[in-house]
Amino acid sequence: MTDEGSIAGDHWFEPLAEHLGSAYLRYSFTKGTEQEVDFAVDALSLAPGMRVLDVGCGPGRHSHALADRGFVVHGIDISQRFVDIAAATELDRAARDGDARSGVATFQRLDARALAFDEEFDAAVCLCQGAFGLLTGDGENDLVMAGIARALRPGGRAIVSAFNAYFAVKYHTDAEFDAATGITHEVTELRNESGEPRSAELWTGCWTPKELRDIAVRNGLVVDAVVSSDPGLYRPDPPSVESSEFLLLVRKPHRPGR
């Protein structure tokens, strides 16, 4: 499903996604999908049949894995190329598995800064710097967090990944870290499905546990935990300098008297 009117504005990542296409899934950080989804399902206390919003779904790897586990998933991404790949893959998986697959995933081109869902989902995931990590303008991440909060039903839960600022300062030797903004900048080379290279600049927001707690609370969410993790190795470890990412686990409070 495409909704061009729901795009708040172009983003620097769109042409990179257009170039990468399905080659995105060759990168090592995409290989831990099953473990990441298992952790998310357990951490969010999800039960099959629940509706899950995948914010910044990319080519849909987490959405597909959630659908395989019996969830009704809606993935959104700013890249039409990624949305098309995710939708085509979903058709293939549904045809392959038939009635043995109880879940389903749908996809929509939508800017995470312009989420208009209203208490439609039991849970939300925003993983692998999906939208949240790639937004670096003032107030942009608050727009994403506020949209996630609105999308959740009261009592609904969410998991959001974010780059670890401490790790970036200590280990990101190939990137420039701006201490004033908490943003890393690097120049790299991306190859598409045909192996054609393209030089790319990447900007990524980095976070401390306090900053993650603050943005969640500021947008009306209750923080259950901030834990240290790495791609493909999600785990409930306390925050540290040595993990590349943090996972923010939050929930939307029930209304008073309910």
C-alpha atoms as a PDB file:
ATOM      1  CA  MET A   1       0.000   0.000   0.000  1.00  0.00           C
ATOM      2  CA  THR A   2       1.346   3.426  -0.937  1.00  0.00           C
ATOM      3  CA  ASP A   3       0.262   6.748   0.491  1.00  0.00           C
ATOM      4  CA  GLU A   4       2.313   9.475  -1.140  1.00  0.00           C
ATOM      5  CA  GLY A   5       0.340  12.160   0.661  1.00  0.00           C
ATOM      6  CA  SER A   6       1.666  10.903   3.980  1.00  0.00           C
ATOM      7  CA  ILE A   7       5.296  11.696   3.171  1.00  0.00           C
ATOM      8  CA  ALA A   8       6.420  14.679   5.227  1.00  0.00           C
ATOM      9  CA  GLY A   9       9.530  15.279   3.133  1.00  0.00           C
ATOM     10  CA  ASP A  10      12.424  13.650   1.367  1.00  0.00           C
ATOM     11  CA  HIS A  11      15.231  12.184   3.416  1.00  0.00           C
ATOM     12  CA  TRP A  12      18.893  11.679   2.529  1.00  0.00           C
ATOM     13  CA  PHE A  13      18.506   7.914   2.985  1.00  0.00           C
ATOM     14  CA  GLU A  14      15.994   7.501   0.145  1.00  0.00           C
ATOM     15  CA  PRO A  15      18.457   7.586  -2.798  1.00  0.00           C
ATOM     16  CA  LEU A  16      20.786   5.245  -0.912  1.00  0.00           C
ATOM     17  CA  ALA A  17      17.950   2.760  -0.385  1.00  0.00           C
ATOM     18  CA  GLU A  18      17.018   3.093  -4.058  1.00  0.00           C
ATOM     19  CA  HIS A  19      20.586   2.197  -5.001  1.00  0.00           C
ATOM     20  CA  LEU A  20      20.938  -0.660  -2.506  1.00  0.00           C
ATOM     21  CA  GLY A  21      17.658  -2.448  -3.101  1.00  0.00           C
ATOM     22  CA  SER A  22      17.783  -6.063  -1.938  1.00  0.00           C
ATOM     23  CA  ALA A  23      21.585  -5.825  -1.581  1.00  0.00           C
ATOM     24  CA  TYR A  24      20.842  -4.229   1.807  1.00  0.00           C
ATOM     25  CA  LEU A  25      20.128  -7.745   3.054  1.00  0.00           C
ATOM     26  CA  ARG A  26      23.690  -8.855   2.268  1.00  0.00           C
ATOM     27  CA  TYR A  27      25.116  -6.795   5.132  1.00  0.00           C
ATOM     28  CA  SER A  28      26.139  -8.697   8.238  1.00  0.00           C
ATOM     29  CA  PHE A  29      23.990  -6.585  10.556  1.00  0.00           C
ATOM     30  CA  THR A  30      20.862  -8.004   8.871  1.00  0.00           C
ATOM     31  CA  LYS A  31      21.695 -11.640   9.612  1.00  0.00           C
ATOM     32  CA  GLY A  32      20.373 -11.785  13.177  1.00  0.00           C
ATOM     33  CA  THR A  33      16.714 -11.251  12.368  1.00  0.00           C
ATOM     34  CA  GLU A  34      15.347 -14.410  13.994  1.00  0.00           C
ATOM     35  CA  GLN A  35      17.175 -13.836  17.280  1.00  0.00           C
ATOM     36  CA  GLU A  36      16.163 -10.174  17.357  1.00  0.00           C
ATOM     37  CA  VAL A  37      12.504 -10.988  16.777  1.00  0.00           C
ATOM     38  CA  ASP A  38      12.518 -13.784  19.365  1.00  0.00           C
ATOM     39  CA  PHE A  39      13.897 -11.314  21.902  1.00  0.00           C
ATOM     40  CA  ALA A  40      11.344  -8.643  20.967  1.00  0.00           C
ATOM     41  CA  VAL A  41       8.411 -11.052  21.218  1.00  0.00           C
ATOM     42  CA  ASP A  42       9.521 -12.142  24.682  1.00  0.00           C
ATOM     43  CA  ALA A  43      10.458  -8.657  25.923  1.00  0.00           C
ATOM     44  CA  LEU A  44       7.150  -7.165  24.784  1.00  0.00           C
ATOM     45  CA  SER A  45       5.088 -10.138  26.047  1.00  0.00           C
ATOM     46  CA  LEU A  46       3.437 -10.571  22.653  1.00  0.00           C
ATOM     47  CA  ALA A  47       0.868 -13.219  21.802  1.00  0.00           C
ATOM     48  CA  PRO A  48       0.035 -14.425  18.273  1.00  0.00           C
ATOM     49  CA  GLY A  49      -2.730 -12.425  16.635  1.00  0.00           C
ATOM     50  CA  MET A  50      -1.602  -9.106  18.081  1.00  0.00           C
ATOM     51  CA  ARG A  51      -1.169  -6.133  15.736  1.00  0.00           C
ATOM     52  CA  VAL A  52       2.417  -4.876  15.469  1.00  0.00           C
ATOM     53  CA  LEU A  53       3.704  -1.691  13.812  1.00  0.00           C
ATOM     54  CA  ASP A  54       7.207  -1.933  12.293  1.00  0.00           C
ATOM     55  CA  VAL A  55       8.585   1.609  12.056  1.00  0.00           C
ATOM     56  CA  GLY A  56      11.343   2.004   9.467  1.00  0.00           C
ATOM     57  CA  CYS A  57      10.850  -1.568   8.271  1.00  0.00           C
ATOM     58  CA  GLY A  58      13.342  -1.427   5.378  1.00  0.00           C
ATOM     59  CA  PRO A  59      12.940  -4.499   3.135  1.00  0.00           C
ATOM     60  CA  GLY A  60      10.723  -6.003   5.814  1.00  0.00           C
ATOM     61  CA  ARG A  61      12.925  -8.592   7.482  1.00  0.00           C
ATOM     62  CA  HIS A  62      11.533  -8.079  10.993  1.00  0.00           C
ATOM     63  CA  SER A  63       7.964  -7.758   9.678  1.00  0.00           C
ATOM     64  CA  HIS A  64       8.221 -11.051   7.808  1.00  0.00           C
ATOM     65  CA  ALA A  65       9.665 -12.843  10.824  1.00  0.00           C
ATOM     66  CA  LEU A  66       6.868 -11.486  13.029  1.00  0.00           C
ATOM     67  CA  ALA A  67       4.235 -12.580  10.517  1.00  0.00           C
ATOM     68  CA  ASP A  68       5.808 -16.052  10.507  1.00  0.00           C
ATOM     69  CA  ARG A  69       5.157 -16.134  14.254  1.00  0.00           C
ATOM     70  CA  GLY A  70       1.455 -15.353  13.864  1.00  0.00           C
ATOM     71  CA  PHE A  71       1.338 -11.575  14.210  1.00  0.00           C
ATOM     72  CA  VAL A  72      -0.563  -9.059  12.081  1.00  0.00           C
ATOM     73  CA  VAL A  73       2.172  -6.636  11.068  1.00  0.00           C
ATOM     74  CA  HIS A  74       2.133  -3.293   9.275  1.00  0.00           C
ATOM     75  CA  GLY A  75       5.547  -2.085   8.126  1.00  0.00           C
ATOM     76  CA  ILE A  76       6.214   1.506   7.128  1.00  0.00           C
ATOM     77  CA  ASP A  77       9.308   2.959   5.484  1.00  0.00           C
ATOM     78  CA  ILE A  78      10.198   6.166   3.671  1.00  0.00           C
ATOM     79  CA  SER A  79      11.813   4.228   0.812  1.00  0.00           C
ATOM     80  CA  GLN A  80       9.414   3.075  -1.888  1.00  0.00           C
ATOM     81  CA  ARG A  81      12.080   0.658  -3.137  1.00  0.00           C
ATOM     82  CA  PHE A  82      12.271  -1.042   0.249  1.00  0.00           C
ATOM     83  CA  VAL A  83       8.464  -1.124   0.563  1.00  0.00           C
ATOM     84  CA  ASP A  84       8.167  -2.781  -2.858  1.00  0.00           C
ATOM     85  CA  ILE A  85      10.792  -5.401  -1.943  1.00  0.00           C
ATOM     86  CA  ALA A  86       9.070  -6.104   1.384  1.00  0.00           C
ATOM     87  CA  ALA A  87       5.640  -6.485  -0.253  1.00  0.00           C
ATOM     88  CA  ALA A  88       6.964  -8.798  -2.983  1.00  0.00           C
ATOM     89  CA  THR A  89       8.747 -10.952  -0.414  1.00  0.00           C
ATOM     90  CA  GLU A  90       5.566 -11.178   1.657  1.00  0.00           C
ATOM     91  CA  LEU A  91       3.641 -12.493  -1.351  1.00  0.00           C
ATOM     92  CA  ASP A  92       6.319 -15.112  -1.937  1.00  0.00           C
ATOM     93  CA  ARG A  93       6.336 -16.208   1.707  1.00  0.00           C
ATOM     94  CA  ALA A  94       2.540 -16.373   1.897  1.00  0.00           C
ATOM     95  CA  ALA A  95       2.390 -18.465  -1.288  1.00  0.00           C
ATOM     96  CA  ARG A  96       5.127 -20.762  -0.004  1.00  0.00           C
ATOM     97  CA  ASP A  97       3.617 -21.353   3.431  1.00  0.00           C
ATOM     98  CA  GLY A  98      -0.097 -21.188   2.594  1.00  0.00           C
ATOM     99  CA  ASP A  99      -2.466 -21.996   5.457  1.00  0.00           C
ATOM    100  CA  ALA A 100       0.466 -22.966   7.684  1.00  0.00           C
ATOM    101  CA  ARG A 101       1.203 -19.263   8.150  1.00  0.00           C
ATOM    102  CA  SER A 102      -1.241 -17.615  10.538  1.00  0.00           C
ATOM    103  CA  GLY A 103       0.225 -14.109  10.429  1.00  0.00           C
ATOM    104  CA  VAL A 104       0.391 -11.489   7.707  1.00  0.00           C
ATOM    105  CA  ALA A 105       2.452  -8.400   6.913  1.00  0.00           C
ATOM    106  CA  THR A 106       1.388  -5.341   4.924  1.00  0.00           C
ATOM    107  CA  PHE A 107       3.586  -2.443   3.880  1.00  0.00           C
ATOM    108  CA  GLN A 108       3.192   1.270   3.236  1.00  0.00           C
ATOM    109  CA  ARG A 109       5.448   4.095   2.159  1.00  0.00           C
ATOM    110  CA  LEU A 110       5.206   6.507   5.044  1.00  0.00           C
ATOM    111  CA  ASP A 111       7.480   8.964   6.781  1.00  0.00           C
ATOM    112  CA  ALA A 112       8.022   7.983  10.426  1.00  0.00           C
ATOM    113  CA  ARG A 113       7.869  11.672  11.313  1.00  0.00           C
ATOM    114  CA  ALA A 114       4.246  11.744  10.153  1.00  0.00           C
ATOM    115  CA  LEU A 115       2.640   8.700  11.781  1.00  0.00           C
ATOM    116  CA  ALA A 116      -1.114   9.239  12.079  1.00  0.00           C
ATOM    117  CA  PHE A 117      -2.171   5.909  13.595  1.00  0.00           C
ATOM    118  CA  ASP A 118      -4.492   6.222  16.587  1.00  0.00           C
ATOM    119  CA  GLU A 119      -4.276   3.412  19.159  1.00  0.00           C
ATOM    120  CA  GLU A 120      -4.393   0.754  16.435  1.00  0.00           C
ATOM    121  CA  PHE A 121      -1.491  -1.449  17.540  1.00  0.00           C
ATOM    122  CA  ASP A 122      -0.711  -3.709  20.473  1.00  0.00           C
ATOM    123  CA  ALA A 123       3.023  -3.216  19.972  1.00  0.00           C
ATOM    124  CA  ALA A 124       5.602  -1.403  17.876  1.00  0.00           C
ATOM    125  CA  VAL A 125       9.166  -2.193  16.865  1.00  0.00           C
ATOM    126  CA  CYS A 126      11.726   0.251  15.500  1.00  0.00           C
ATOM    127  CA  LEU A 127      14.903  -1.756  15.017  1.00  0.00           C
ATOM    128  CA  CYS A 128      18.260  -1.520  13.256  1.00  0.00           C
ATOM    129  CA  GLN A 129      18.171   2.285  13.254  1.00  0.00           C
ATOM    130  CA  GLY A 130      14.812   2.100  11.498  1.00  0.00           C
ATOM    131  CA  ALA A 131      13.882   5.777  11.114  1.00  0.00           C
ATOM    132  CA  PHE A 132      14.762   6.731  14.703  1.00  0.00           C
ATOM    133  CA  GLY A 133      18.522   6.369  14.304  1.00  0.00           C
ATOM    134  CA  LEU A 134      18.717   8.085  10.926  1.00  0.00           C
ATOM    135  CA  LEU A 135      16.852  11.245  11.898  1.00  0.00           C
ATOM    136  CA  THR A 136      19.227  13.964  13.011  1.00  0.00           C
ATOM    137  CA  GLY A 137      17.275  17.220  12.760  1.00  0.00           C
ATOM    138  CA  ASP A 138      16.000  19.072  15.821  1.00  0.00           C
ATOM    139  CA  GLY A 139      12.802  17.524  17.118  1.00  0.00           C
ATOM    140  CA  GLU A 140      12.609  14.789  14.474  1.00  0.00           C
ATOM    141  CA  ASN A 141      13.077  11.892  16.861  1.00  0.00           C
ATOM    142  CA  ASP A 142      10.422  13.343  19.147  1.00  0.00           C
ATOM    143  CA  LEU A 143       8.021  13.231  16.196  1.00  0.00           C
ATOM    144  CA  VAL A 144       8.791   9.531  15.731  1.00  0.00           C
ATOM    145  CA  MET A 145       8.432   8.723  19.424  1.00  0.00           C
ATOM    146  CA  ALA A 146       5.199  10.689  19.669  1.00  0.00           C
ATOM    147  CA  GLY A 147       3.842   8.844  16.635  1.00  0.00           C
ATOM    148  CA  ILE A 148       4.721   5.491  18.158  1.00  0.00           C
ATOM    149  CA  ALA A 149       3.021   6.512  21.403  1.00  0.00           C
ATOM    150  CA  ARG A 150      -0.154   7.525  19.547  1.00  0.00           C
ATOM    151  CA  ALA A 151      -0.159   4.292  17.545  1.00  0.00           C
ATOM    152  CA  LEU A 152      -0.122   2.097  20.657  1.00  0.00           C
ATOM    153  CA  ARG A 153      -3.229   1.027  22.457  1.00  0.00           C
ATOM    154  CA  PRO A 154      -3.194   1.738  26.231  1.00  0.00           C
ATOM    155  CA  GLY A 155      -0.968  -0.949  27.731  1.00  0.00           C
ATOM    156  CA  GLY A 156       0.787  -1.475  24.393  1.00  0.00           C
ATOM    157  CA  ARG A 157       4.556  -1.877  24.317  1.00  0.00           C
ATOM    158  CA  ALA A 158       7.394  -0.892  22.025  1.00  0.00           C
ATOM    159  CA  ILE A 159      11.069  -1.659  21.492  1.00  0.00           C
ATOM    160  CA  VAL A 160      13.381   0.885  19.852  1.00  0.00           C
ATOM    161  CA  SER A 161      17.055   0.425  19.001  1.00  0.00           C
ATOM    162  CA  ALA A 162      19.567   3.275  19.069  1.00  0.00           C
ATOM    163  CA  PHE A 163      23.297   3.571  18.581  1.00  0.00           C
ATOM    164  CA  ASN A 164      25.268   3.716  21.832  1.00  0.00           C
ATOM    165  CA  ALA A 165      26.967   7.119  22.131  1.00  0.00           C
ATOM    166  CA  TYR A 166      29.598   5.755  24.520  1.00  0.00           C
ATOM    167  CA  PHE A 167      30.542   2.997  22.067  1.00  0.00           C
ATOM    168  CA  ALA A 168      30.705   5.497  19.205  1.00  0.00           C
ATOM    169  CA  VAL A 169      33.141   7.735  21.051  1.00  0.00           C
ATOM    170  CA  LYS A 170      35.358   4.817  21.996  1.00  0.00           C
ATOM    171  CA  TYR A 171      35.298   2.683  18.856  1.00  0.00           C
ATOM    172  CA  HIS A 172      34.016   4.538  15.767  1.00  0.00           C
ATOM    173  CA  THR A 173      37.452   5.335  14.389  1.00  0.00           C
ATOM    174  CA  ASP A 174      36.188   5.527  10.794  1.00  0.00           C
ATOM    175  CA  ALA A 175      33.490   8.072  11.623  1.00  0.00           C
ATOM    176  CA  GLU A 176      33.495  11.613  12.947  1.00  0.00           C
ATOM    177  CA  PHE A 177      31.549  12.081  16.175  1.00  0.00           C
ATOM    178  CA  ASP A 178      30.066  15.514  16.860  1.00  0.00           C
ATOM    179  CA  ALA A 179      29.981  15.874  20.629  1.00  0.00           C
ATOM    180  CA  ALA A 180      27.649  18.875  20.408  1.00  0.00           C
ATOM    181  CA  THR A 181      24.908  16.987  18.560  1.00  0.00           C
ATOM    182  CA  GLY A 182      25.634  13.323  19.290  1.00  0.00           C
ATOM    183  CA  ILE A 183      25.733  12.552  15.568  1.00  0.00           C
ATOM    184  CA  THR A 184      28.311  10.457  13.742  1.00  0.00           C
ATOM    185  CA  HIS A 185      29.201  11.120  10.109  1.00  0.00           C
ATOM    186  CA  GLU A 186      31.004   8.716   7.836  1.00  0.00           C
ATOM    187  CA  VAL A 187      31.710   8.265   4.150  1.00  0.00           C
ATOM    188  CA  THR A 188      31.409   4.723   2.857  1.00  0.00           C
ATOM    189  CA  GLU A 189      30.792   2.753  -0.329  1.00  0.00           C
ATOM    190  CA  LEU A 190      27.536   0.940  -1.005  1.00  0.00           C
ATOM    191  CA  ARG A 191      27.109  -1.690  -3.721  1.00  0.00           C
ATOM    192  CA  ASN A 192      23.809  -2.602  -5.313  1.00  0.00           C
ATOM    193  CA  GLU A 193      22.583  -6.024  -6.450  1.00  0.00           C
ATOM    194  CA  SER A 194      24.813  -5.826  -9.531  1.00  0.00           C
ATOM    195  CA  GLY A 195      27.894  -4.867  -7.504  1.00  0.00           C
ATOM    196  CA  GLU A 196      27.909  -1.281  -8.750  1.00  0.00           C
ATOM    197  CA  PRO A 197      29.491   0.992  -6.127  1.00  0.00           C
ATOM    198  CA  ARG A 198      28.214   4.319  -4.897  1.00  0.00           C
ATOM    199  CA  SER A 199      29.894   6.671  -2.466  1.00  0.00           C
ATOM    200  CA  ALA A 200      27.576   7.523   0.404  1.00  0.00           C
ATOM    201  CA  GLU A 201      27.558   9.849   3.393  1.00  0.00           C
ATOM    202  CA  LEU A 202      25.836   8.481   6.481  1.00  0.00           C
ATOM    203  CA  TRP A 203      24.641  10.463   9.498  1.00  0.00           C
ATOM    204  CA  THR A 204      23.543   8.535  12.564  1.00  0.00           C
ATOM    205  CA  GLY A 205      22.218   9.768  15.886  1.00  0.00           C
ATOM    206  CA  CYS A 206      23.860   8.284  18.987  1.00  0.00           C
ATOM    207  CA  TRP A 207      22.225   8.126  22.400  1.00  0.00           C
ATOM    208  CA  THR A 208      22.896   7.727  26.102  1.00  0.00           C
ATOM    209  CA  PRO A 209      20.468   5.760  28.295  1.00  0.00           C
ATOM    210  CA  LYS A 210      19.339   8.983  29.990  1.00  0.00           C
ATOM    211  CA  GLU A 211      18.517  10.596  26.652  1.00  0.00           C
ATOM    212  CA  LEU A 212      16.470   7.578  25.631  1.00  0.00           C
ATOM    213  CA  ARG A 213      14.566   7.587  28.908  1.00  0.00           C
ATOM    214  CA  ASP A 214      13.937  11.324  28.612  1.00  0.00           C
ATOM    215  CA  ILE A 215      12.542  11.196  25.065  1.00  0.00           C
ATOM    216  CA  ALA A 216      10.230   8.339  25.997  1.00  0.00           C
ATOM    217  CA  VAL A 217       8.873  10.055  29.108  1.00  0.00           C
ATOM    218  CA  ARG A 218       8.556  13.353  27.235  1.00  0.00           C
ATOM    219  CA  ASN A 219       6.213  11.631  24.814  1.00  0.00           C
ATOM    220  CA  GLY A 220       4.012   9.993  27.399  1.00  0.00           C
ATOM    221  CA  LEU A 221       5.591   6.532  27.586  1.00  0.00           C
ATOM    222  CA  VAL A 222       6.690   4.539  30.620  1.00  0.00           C
ATOM    223  CA  VAL A 223      10.237   3.181  30.447  1.00  0.00           C
ATOM    224  CA  ASP A 224      10.514  -0.476  31.410  1.00  0.00           C
ATOM    225  CA  ALA A 225      14.241  -0.793  30.622  1.00  0.00           C
ATOM    226  CA  VAL A 226      17.215   0.382  28.623  1.00  0.00           C
ATOM    227  CA  VAL A 227      19.541  -2.518  27.828  1.00  0.00           C
ATOM    228  CA  SER A 228      22.801  -3.046  25.957  1.00  0.00           C
ATOM    229  CA  SER A 229      22.713  -5.135  22.792  1.00  0.00           C
ATOM    230  CA  ASP A 230      24.313  -5.746  19.419  1.00  0.00           C
ATOM    231  CA  PRO A 231      22.752  -6.733  16.081  1.00  0.00           C
ATOM    232  CA  GLY A 232      21.818 -10.405  16.214  1.00  0.00           C
ATOM    233  CA  LEU A 233      22.637 -10.568  19.911  1.00  0.00           C
ATOM    234  CA  TYR A 234      19.784  -8.822  21.683  1.00  0.00           C
ATOM    235  CA  ARG A 235      19.944  -9.473  25.409  1.00  0.00           C
ATOM    236  CA  PRO A 236      18.785  -7.913  28.693  1.00  0.00           C
ATOM    237  CA  ASP A 237      22.223  -6.644  29.745  1.00  0.00           C
ATOM    238  CA  PRO A 238      22.598  -3.414  31.718  1.00  0.00           C
ATOM    239  CA  PRO A 239      23.853  -0.378  29.765  1.00  0.00           C
ATOM    240  CA  SER A 240      27.585  -0.397  29.114  1.00  0.00           C
ATOM    241  CA  VAL A 241      30.252   1.183  26.941  1.00  0.00           C
ATOM    242  CA  GLU A 242      30.975  -2.094  25.154  1.00  0.00           C
ATOM    243  CA  SER A 243      27.745  -2.700  23.229  1.00  0.00           C
ATOM    244  CA  SER A 244      27.112  -1.014  19.886  1.00  0.00           C
ATOM    245  CA  GLU A 245      23.426  -0.393  20.568  1.00  0.00           C
ATOM    246  CA  PHE A 246      20.899   0.251  23.280  1.00  0.00           C
ATOM    247  CA  LEU A 247      17.377  -1.132  23.258  1.00  0.00           C
ATOM    248  CA  LEU A 248      14.670   1.069  24.756  1.00  0.00           C
ATOM    249  CA  LEU A 249      11.686  -0.889  26.111  1.00  0.00           C
ATOM    250  CA  VAL A 250       8.586   1.210  26.786  1.00  0.00           C
ATOM    251  CA  ARG A 251       4.848   0.917  27.272  1.00  0.00           C
ATOM    252  CA  LYS A 252       1.856   3.214  26.955  1.00  0.00           C
ATOM    253  CA  PRO A 253       0.130   3.631  30.309  1.00  0.00           C
ATOM    254  CA  HIS A 254      -3.502   2.726  30.787  1.00  0.00           C
ATOM    255  CA  ARG A 255      -5.890   5.604  31.242  1.00  0.00           C
ATOM    256  CA  PRO A 256      -6.775   6.444  34.873  1.00  0.00           C
ATOM    257  CA  GLY A 257      -9.576   4.269  36.192  1.00  0.00           C
ATOM    258  CA  ARG A 258      -8.997   1.475  33.667  1.00  0.00           C
END
